[in-house]
N, C-alpha and C. Protein backbone atom coordinates (compact mmCIF):
# COMPACT_ATOMS: atom_id res chain seq x y z
N MET A 1 0.85 -1.14 -0.22
CA MET A 1 -0.18 0.54 0.19
C MET A 1 0.94 0.86 -0.22
N PRO A 2 0.77 1.99 -0.96
CA PRO A 2 1.29 3.75 -0.91
C PRO A 2 1.54 4.42 0.35
N THR A 3 1.89 4.68 0.35
CA THR A 3 2.37 5.74 1.26
C THR A 3 2.45 7.63 1.16
N ALA A 4 1.85 8.61 1.59
CA ALA A 4 2.08 9.71 1.16
C ALA A 4 2.49 10.52 2.45
N SER A 5 3.31 11.49 1.66
CA SER A 5 3.80 12.28 2.57
C SER A 5 2.95 13.66 3.01
N PRO A 6 3.01 14.08 4.62
CA PRO A 6 1.83 15.07 4.70
C PRO A 6 2.50 16.47 3.72
N GLN A 7 4.08 16.21 3.57
CA GLN A 7 4.55 17.65 2.05
C GLN A 7 4.08 17.46 1.13
N GLU A 8 3.29 16.24 0.97
CA GLU A 8 2.72 16.58 -0.44
C GLU A 8 1.66 17.12 -0.98
N PRO A 9 1.62 17.75 -2.28
CA PRO A 9 1.46 18.86 -2.46
C PRO A 9 -0.65 18.91 -2.64
N ALA A 10 -1.01 17.37 -3.14
CA ALA A 10 -1.96 16.75 -3.30
C ALA A 10 -2.48 16.74 -1.70
N LEU A 11 -2.41 16.39 -1.15
CA LEU A 11 -2.67 16.00 0.42
C LEU A 11 -3.19 17.66 1.13
N GLU A 12 -1.96 18.40 0.44
CA GLU A 12 -2.12 19.85 1.21
C GLU A 12 -3.15 20.41 0.46
N LEU A 13 -3.58 20.20 -0.50
CA LEU A 13 -4.89 20.51 -1.30
C LEU A 13 -6.12 20.24 -0.95
N ASP A 14 -6.37 18.42 -0.97
CA ASP A 14 -7.38 18.52 -0.52
C ASP A 14 -7.59 18.76 0.94
N PHE A 15 -7.14 18.88 2.01
CA PHE A 15 -6.97 19.57 3.43
C PHE A 15 -7.54 20.91 3.66
N THR A 16 -6.88 21.73 2.21
CA THR A 16 -7.48 23.05 2.52
C THR A 16 -9.01 23.25 1.47
N GLN A 17 -8.86 22.36 0.90
CA GLN A 17 -10.20 22.44 0.37
C GLN A 17 -11.93 21.78 0.96
N GLU A 18 -11.36 21.02 2.10
CA GLU A 18 -12.10 20.67 3.57
C GLU A 18 -12.07 21.89 3.75
N VAL A 19 -11.22 22.58 4.62
CA VAL A 19 -11.32 23.35 5.00
C VAL A 19 -12.02 24.05 4.66
N TYR A 20 -12.10 24.57 3.92
CA TYR A 20 -12.98 25.04 2.94
C TYR A 20 -14.39 25.44 2.62
N GLU A 21 -14.31 24.09 2.90
CA GLU A 21 -16.09 23.75 2.40
C GLU A 21 -16.74 23.75 3.83
N LEU A 22 -16.11 23.17 4.97
CA LEU A 22 -16.41 23.57 5.94
C LEU A 22 -17.20 24.39 6.58
N VAL A 23 -15.80 25.69 6.36
CA VAL A 23 -16.59 26.99 6.69
C VAL A 23 -17.59 26.98 5.88
N ARG A 24 -17.77 27.00 4.25
CA ARG A 24 -18.83 27.67 3.63
C ARG A 24 -20.04 26.83 4.09
N ASP A 25 -19.85 25.42 4.34
CA ASP A 25 -20.96 24.41 5.12
C ASP A 25 -21.81 25.04 6.56
N THR A 26 -20.99 26.14 7.38
CA THR A 26 -21.26 26.05 8.61
C THR A 26 -21.21 27.96 8.24
N ALA A 27 -21.10 28.36 7.60
CA ALA A 27 -21.47 30.04 8.09
C ALA A 27 -22.96 30.50 7.77
N PRO A 28 -22.63 31.29 8.92
CA PRO A 28 -24.17 32.20 8.99
C PRO A 28 -24.04 32.67 7.45
N ARG A 29 -26.49 32.70 7.76
CA ARG A 29 -26.42 33.63 6.18
C ARG A 29 -26.51 35.10 6.97
N LEU A 30 -25.89 35.82 5.57
CA LEU A 30 -26.28 37.66 6.03
C LEU A 30 -27.34 38.02 5.55
N PHE A 31 -27.61 38.61 6.29
CA PHE A 31 -29.35 39.85 5.77
C PHE A 31 -29.28 41.17 5.97
N ALA A 32 -30.02 41.46 5.78
CA ALA A 32 -30.19 43.46 5.71
C ALA A 32 -31.76 43.10 6.32
N VAL A 33 -31.93 44.53 6.88
CA VAL A 33 -32.98 44.97 7.16
C VAL A 33 -33.64 46.13 6.74
N VAL A 34 -34.20 46.98 5.21
CA VAL A 34 -34.20 48.15 4.85
C VAL A 34 -35.76 48.14 4.90
N GLU A 35 -35.82 49.65 4.88
CA GLU A 35 -36.92 50.54 5.08
C GLU A 35 -37.17 50.95 4.11
N GLU A 36 -38.34 50.08 3.32
CA GLU A 36 -38.69 51.33 2.05
C GLU A 36 -39.33 52.35 2.80
N TYR A 37 -39.23 53.62 1.54
CA TYR A 37 -40.31 54.87 1.52
C TYR A 37 -41.39 54.74 0.55
N ARG A 38 -42.63 55.32 0.71
CA ARG A 38 -43.52 55.15 -0.07
C ARG A 38 -43.39 53.99 -1.20
N PRO A 39 -43.50 52.71 -0.78
CA PRO A 39 -43.33 52.28 -2.16
C PRO A 39 -44.45 51.84 -2.82
N GLY A 40 -44.40 51.69 -3.95
CA GLY A 40 -45.30 51.97 -5.24
C GLY A 40 -45.59 52.91 -5.85
N THR A 41 -44.74 54.20 -5.01
CA THR A 41 -44.96 55.46 -5.57
C THR A 41 -43.57 55.82 -6.70
N ASP A 42 -44.01 57.17 -7.66
CA ASP A 42 -42.77 57.33 -8.34
C ASP A 42 -41.26 57.91 -7.35
N ASP A 43 -41.70 58.40 -5.91
CA ASP A 43 -40.53 58.80 -5.41
C ASP A 43 -40.65 57.29 -3.87
N ALA A 44 -40.78 56.62 -4.42
CA ALA A 44 -40.35 55.44 -3.37
C ALA A 44 -38.93 55.49 -3.38
N ASP A 45 -37.62 54.79 -2.39
CA ASP A 45 -36.61 54.88 -2.22
C ASP A 45 -36.54 54.27 -0.98
N ALA A 46 -35.34 53.37 -0.45
CA ALA A 46 -35.56 52.16 0.40
C ALA A 46 -33.99 52.55 1.20
N VAL A 47 -33.68 52.04 2.08
CA VAL A 47 -32.50 52.10 2.92
C VAL A 47 -32.20 51.76 3.48
N VAL A 48 -30.84 50.49 3.68
CA VAL A 48 -30.61 49.40 4.96
C VAL A 48 -30.53 50.11 6.30
N VAL A 49 -31.11 49.55 7.14
CA VAL A 49 -31.17 50.18 8.66
C VAL A 49 -30.87 48.81 9.78
N ALA A 50 -30.31 47.71 9.25
CA ALA A 50 -29.79 46.99 10.00
C ALA A 50 -28.97 45.82 9.11
N TRP A 51 -28.04 45.48 9.55
CA TRP A 51 -26.99 43.96 8.74
C TRP A 51 -27.43 42.94 10.40
N GLY A 52 -27.88 41.68 9.48
CA GLY A 52 -27.79 40.51 10.53
C GLY A 52 -26.83 39.48 10.50
N LEU A 53 -26.85 38.33 11.34
CA LEU A 53 -26.82 37.19 10.55
C LEU A 53 -27.50 36.16 11.38
N ALA A 54 -27.70 35.55 10.82
CA ALA A 54 -28.33 33.84 11.10
C ALA A 54 -27.89 32.83 10.71
N TYR A 55 -28.01 32.20 12.13
CA TYR A 55 -26.96 30.64 12.45
C TYR A 55 -27.45 29.71 11.98
N GLU A 56 -27.25 28.63 11.76
CA GLU A 56 -27.83 27.35 11.50
C GLU A 56 -28.62 26.72 12.68
N SER A 57 -28.34 27.39 13.84
CA SER A 57 -29.19 26.56 15.08
C SER A 57 -30.32 27.73 14.89
N GLY A 58 -30.31 28.68 14.21
CA GLY A 58 -31.79 30.14 13.52
C GLY A 58 -32.08 30.99 14.72
N GLU A 59 -30.79 30.87 15.59
CA GLU A 59 -30.99 32.57 16.10
C GLU A 59 -30.15 33.21 15.22
N ALA A 60 -30.56 34.22 15.50
CA ALA A 60 -29.76 35.48 14.69
C ALA A 60 -28.87 36.82 15.93
N GLU A 61 -27.81 36.93 15.06
CA GLU A 61 -27.06 38.70 15.68
C GLU A 61 -28.13 39.98 14.84
N VAL A 62 -28.09 40.77 15.25
CA VAL A 62 -28.46 42.25 14.48
C VAL A 62 -27.94 43.42 14.80
N ILE A 63 -27.30 44.24 14.28
CA ILE A 63 -26.77 45.27 14.66
C ILE A 63 -26.90 46.51 13.55
N HIS A 64 -27.64 47.33 14.01
CA HIS A 64 -28.75 48.47 13.66
C HIS A 64 -27.46 49.44 12.98
N VAL A 65 -27.63 49.93 11.77
CA VAL A 65 -26.61 51.01 11.12
C VAL A 65 -26.12 51.54 11.93
N GLY A 66 -25.04 52.14 12.36
CA GLY A 66 -24.44 52.91 13.12
C GLY A 66 -23.92 52.83 14.35
N GLY A 67 -24.32 51.41 14.63
CA GLY A 67 -23.93 50.38 16.09
C GLY A 67 -24.74 51.10 17.19
N VAL A 68 -25.90 51.56 16.88
CA VAL A 68 -26.96 52.15 18.00
C VAL A 68 -27.16 50.69 18.76
N ARG A 69 -28.09 50.00 17.96
CA ARG A 69 -28.83 48.93 18.86
C ARG A 69 -28.16 47.73 18.12
N ARG A 70 -28.13 46.66 19.23
CA ARG A 70 -27.90 45.21 19.12
C ARG A 70 -29.17 44.75 19.16
N TRP A 71 -29.21 43.36 19.15
CA TRP A 71 -30.26 42.51 18.93
C TRP A 71 -29.32 40.58 18.76
N ARG A 72 -29.86 39.91 20.01
CA ARG A 72 -29.64 38.91 19.95
C ARG A 72 -30.84 37.92 20.10
N LEU A 73 -30.98 37.39 18.94
CA LEU A 73 -32.69 36.91 18.87
C LEU A 73 -33.23 35.58 18.24
N PRO A 74 -34.35 35.24 18.71
CA PRO A 74 -34.33 33.37 18.45
C PRO A 74 -34.38 33.30 16.64
N SER A 75 -34.57 34.29 15.83
CA SER A 75 -34.95 34.03 14.49
C SER A 75 -34.41 35.59 13.53
N ALA A 76 -34.31 35.57 12.64
CA ALA A 76 -33.97 36.41 12.02
C ALA A 76 -35.27 36.93 11.90
N GLU A 77 -36.25 36.75 11.43
CA GLU A 77 -37.49 37.15 10.97
C GLU A 77 -38.05 38.12 12.33
N SER A 78 -37.37 37.88 13.62
CA SER A 78 -38.29 38.53 14.61
C SER A 78 -37.88 39.59 15.12
N VAL A 79 -36.85 40.25 14.23
CA VAL A 79 -35.83 41.35 14.07
C VAL A 79 -36.96 42.31 13.59
N MET A 80 -38.05 42.27 12.85
CA MET A 80 -38.61 42.98 12.32
C MET A 80 -40.25 43.33 13.29
N ARG A 81 -40.19 42.78 14.28
CA ARG A 81 -40.96 43.75 15.48
C ARG A 81 -40.62 44.87 15.95
N HIS A 82 -39.33 45.09 15.72
CA HIS A 82 -38.19 46.09 16.02
C HIS A 82 -38.38 47.33 15.24
N PHE A 83 -38.56 47.33 14.07
CA PHE A 83 -39.23 48.00 12.97
C PHE A 83 -40.52 48.05 12.69
N ARG A 84 -41.06 49.04 12.52
CA ARG A 84 -42.99 49.44 12.49
C ARG A 84 -43.10 49.81 11.22
N ARG A 85 -44.16 49.33 10.38
CA ARG A 85 -44.60 49.63 9.28
C ARG A 85 -45.88 50.89 9.75
N THR A 86 -45.54 52.18 8.83
CA THR A 86 -46.35 53.20 9.11
C THR A 86 -46.62 53.17 7.29
N GLU A 87 -47.52 54.29 7.88
CA GLU A 87 -48.10 54.31 6.18
C GLU A 87 -47.08 54.78 5.15
N ASP A 88 -45.72 55.15 5.17
CA ASP A 88 -45.35 55.94 4.02
C ASP A 88 -43.75 54.99 4.24
N ARG A 89 -43.74 53.71 5.61
CA ARG A 89 -42.30 53.11 5.40
C ARG A 89 -43.47 51.47 5.74
N THR A 90 -42.34 50.43 4.83
CA THR A 90 -42.45 49.43 4.98
C THR A 90 -40.97 48.50 5.34
N PRO A 91 -41.08 48.12 6.61
CA PRO A 91 -39.96 47.57 6.69
C PRO A 91 -39.93 46.06 6.11
N ARG A 92 -38.82 45.51 5.61
CA ARG A 92 -38.35 44.58 4.82
C ARG A 92 -37.31 43.87 4.97
N LEU A 93 -37.22 42.16 5.50
CA LEU A 93 -35.99 41.74 5.48
C LEU A 93 -35.12 40.89 4.14
N VAL A 94 -34.30 40.94 3.69
CA VAL A 94 -33.54 40.80 2.47
C VAL A 94 -32.61 39.86 2.94
N TRP A 95 -32.33 38.62 2.36
CA TRP A 95 -31.31 37.95 2.04
C TRP A 95 -30.17 38.10 1.26
N LEU A 96 -29.45 37.96 1.71
CA LEU A 96 -27.90 37.81 0.60
C LEU A 96 -28.07 36.53 -0.04
N ALA A 97 -27.78 36.52 -1.16
CA ALA A 97 -27.11 35.53 -1.97
C ALA A 97 -25.96 34.80 -1.37
N PRO A 98 -26.04 33.78 -1.20
CA PRO A 98 -24.13 32.94 -1.03
C PRO A 98 -23.46 33.44 -2.17
N LEU A 99 -21.96 33.68 -2.34
CA LEU A 99 -21.24 34.36 -2.93
C LEU A 99 -21.11 33.10 -3.80
N GLY A 100 -21.07 33.72 -5.43
CA GLY A 100 -21.07 32.74 -6.33
C GLY A 100 -22.57 32.81 -6.94
N ALA A 101 -23.18 32.58 -6.23
CA ALA A 101 -24.82 32.19 -6.92
C ALA A 101 -24.86 33.56 -7.96
N ASP A 102 -25.99 33.17 -8.92
CA ASP A 102 -25.98 33.81 -10.32
C ASP A 102 -27.68 35.00 -9.41
N ALA A 103 -27.53 35.64 -10.24
CA ALA A 103 -28.88 36.64 -10.16
C ALA A 103 -30.06 35.60 -9.92
N GLY A 104 -30.30 34.95 -11.00
CA GLY A 104 -31.62 34.03 -10.56
C GLY A 104 -31.79 32.88 -9.46
N ALA A 105 -30.61 33.34 -8.71
CA ALA A 105 -30.84 32.00 -7.39
C ALA A 105 -30.86 32.78 -6.19
N ARG A 106 -31.28 34.59 -6.49
CA ARG A 106 -31.19 35.41 -4.71
C ARG A 106 -32.37 34.52 -4.68
N GLU A 107 -32.28 34.91 -2.95
CA GLU A 107 -32.91 34.14 -2.48
C GLU A 107 -34.18 35.40 -2.07
N GLY A 108 -34.23 36.92 -2.49
CA GLY A 108 -34.84 37.72 -2.30
C GLY A 108 -35.61 38.34 -1.23
N CYS A 109 -36.31 38.79 -1.05
CA CYS A 109 -37.15 39.65 0.56
C CYS A 109 -38.34 38.83 1.14
N ALA A 110 -38.45 39.06 2.37
CA ALA A 110 -39.22 38.85 2.75
C ALA A 110 -40.06 40.22 3.66
N ALA A 111 -41.12 40.73 3.91
CA ALA A 111 -41.88 41.05 4.32
C ALA A 111 -42.05 40.93 6.23
C-alpha cells in the first residue's frame, strides 16, 4: 500500500478544500433590514437600517447601522418587531445570496 508524505501538495490541496467546504457549509447567512419609503409610488426609496447574521441553530444577531442598537434574537424574522410599518414606510428582511450564486438564484425579500 503506498504511503503519502504530509508535505505532498495533493494532500495539502485536499485539506485546504476540506477546510474551505467546512467554512462554507457552516457560515451564517447574511441579511439586511431595509426600510422602503413610499413603496409603489414614483418617489419610492429604500435604506438599509440593520445587518444581521442567521446561524444554523436559527438564532440571529443583528446590529443597527451606526451601531446604536444590537439584538440577539431567536430568529432573523423576529427582528421585524423592532421596525414598525407606517403609512409611508415598510420594513423588509432581505437575504443576501451566497457568494457565487447567480442573480436568478437570489433568495429575495420577506416582508
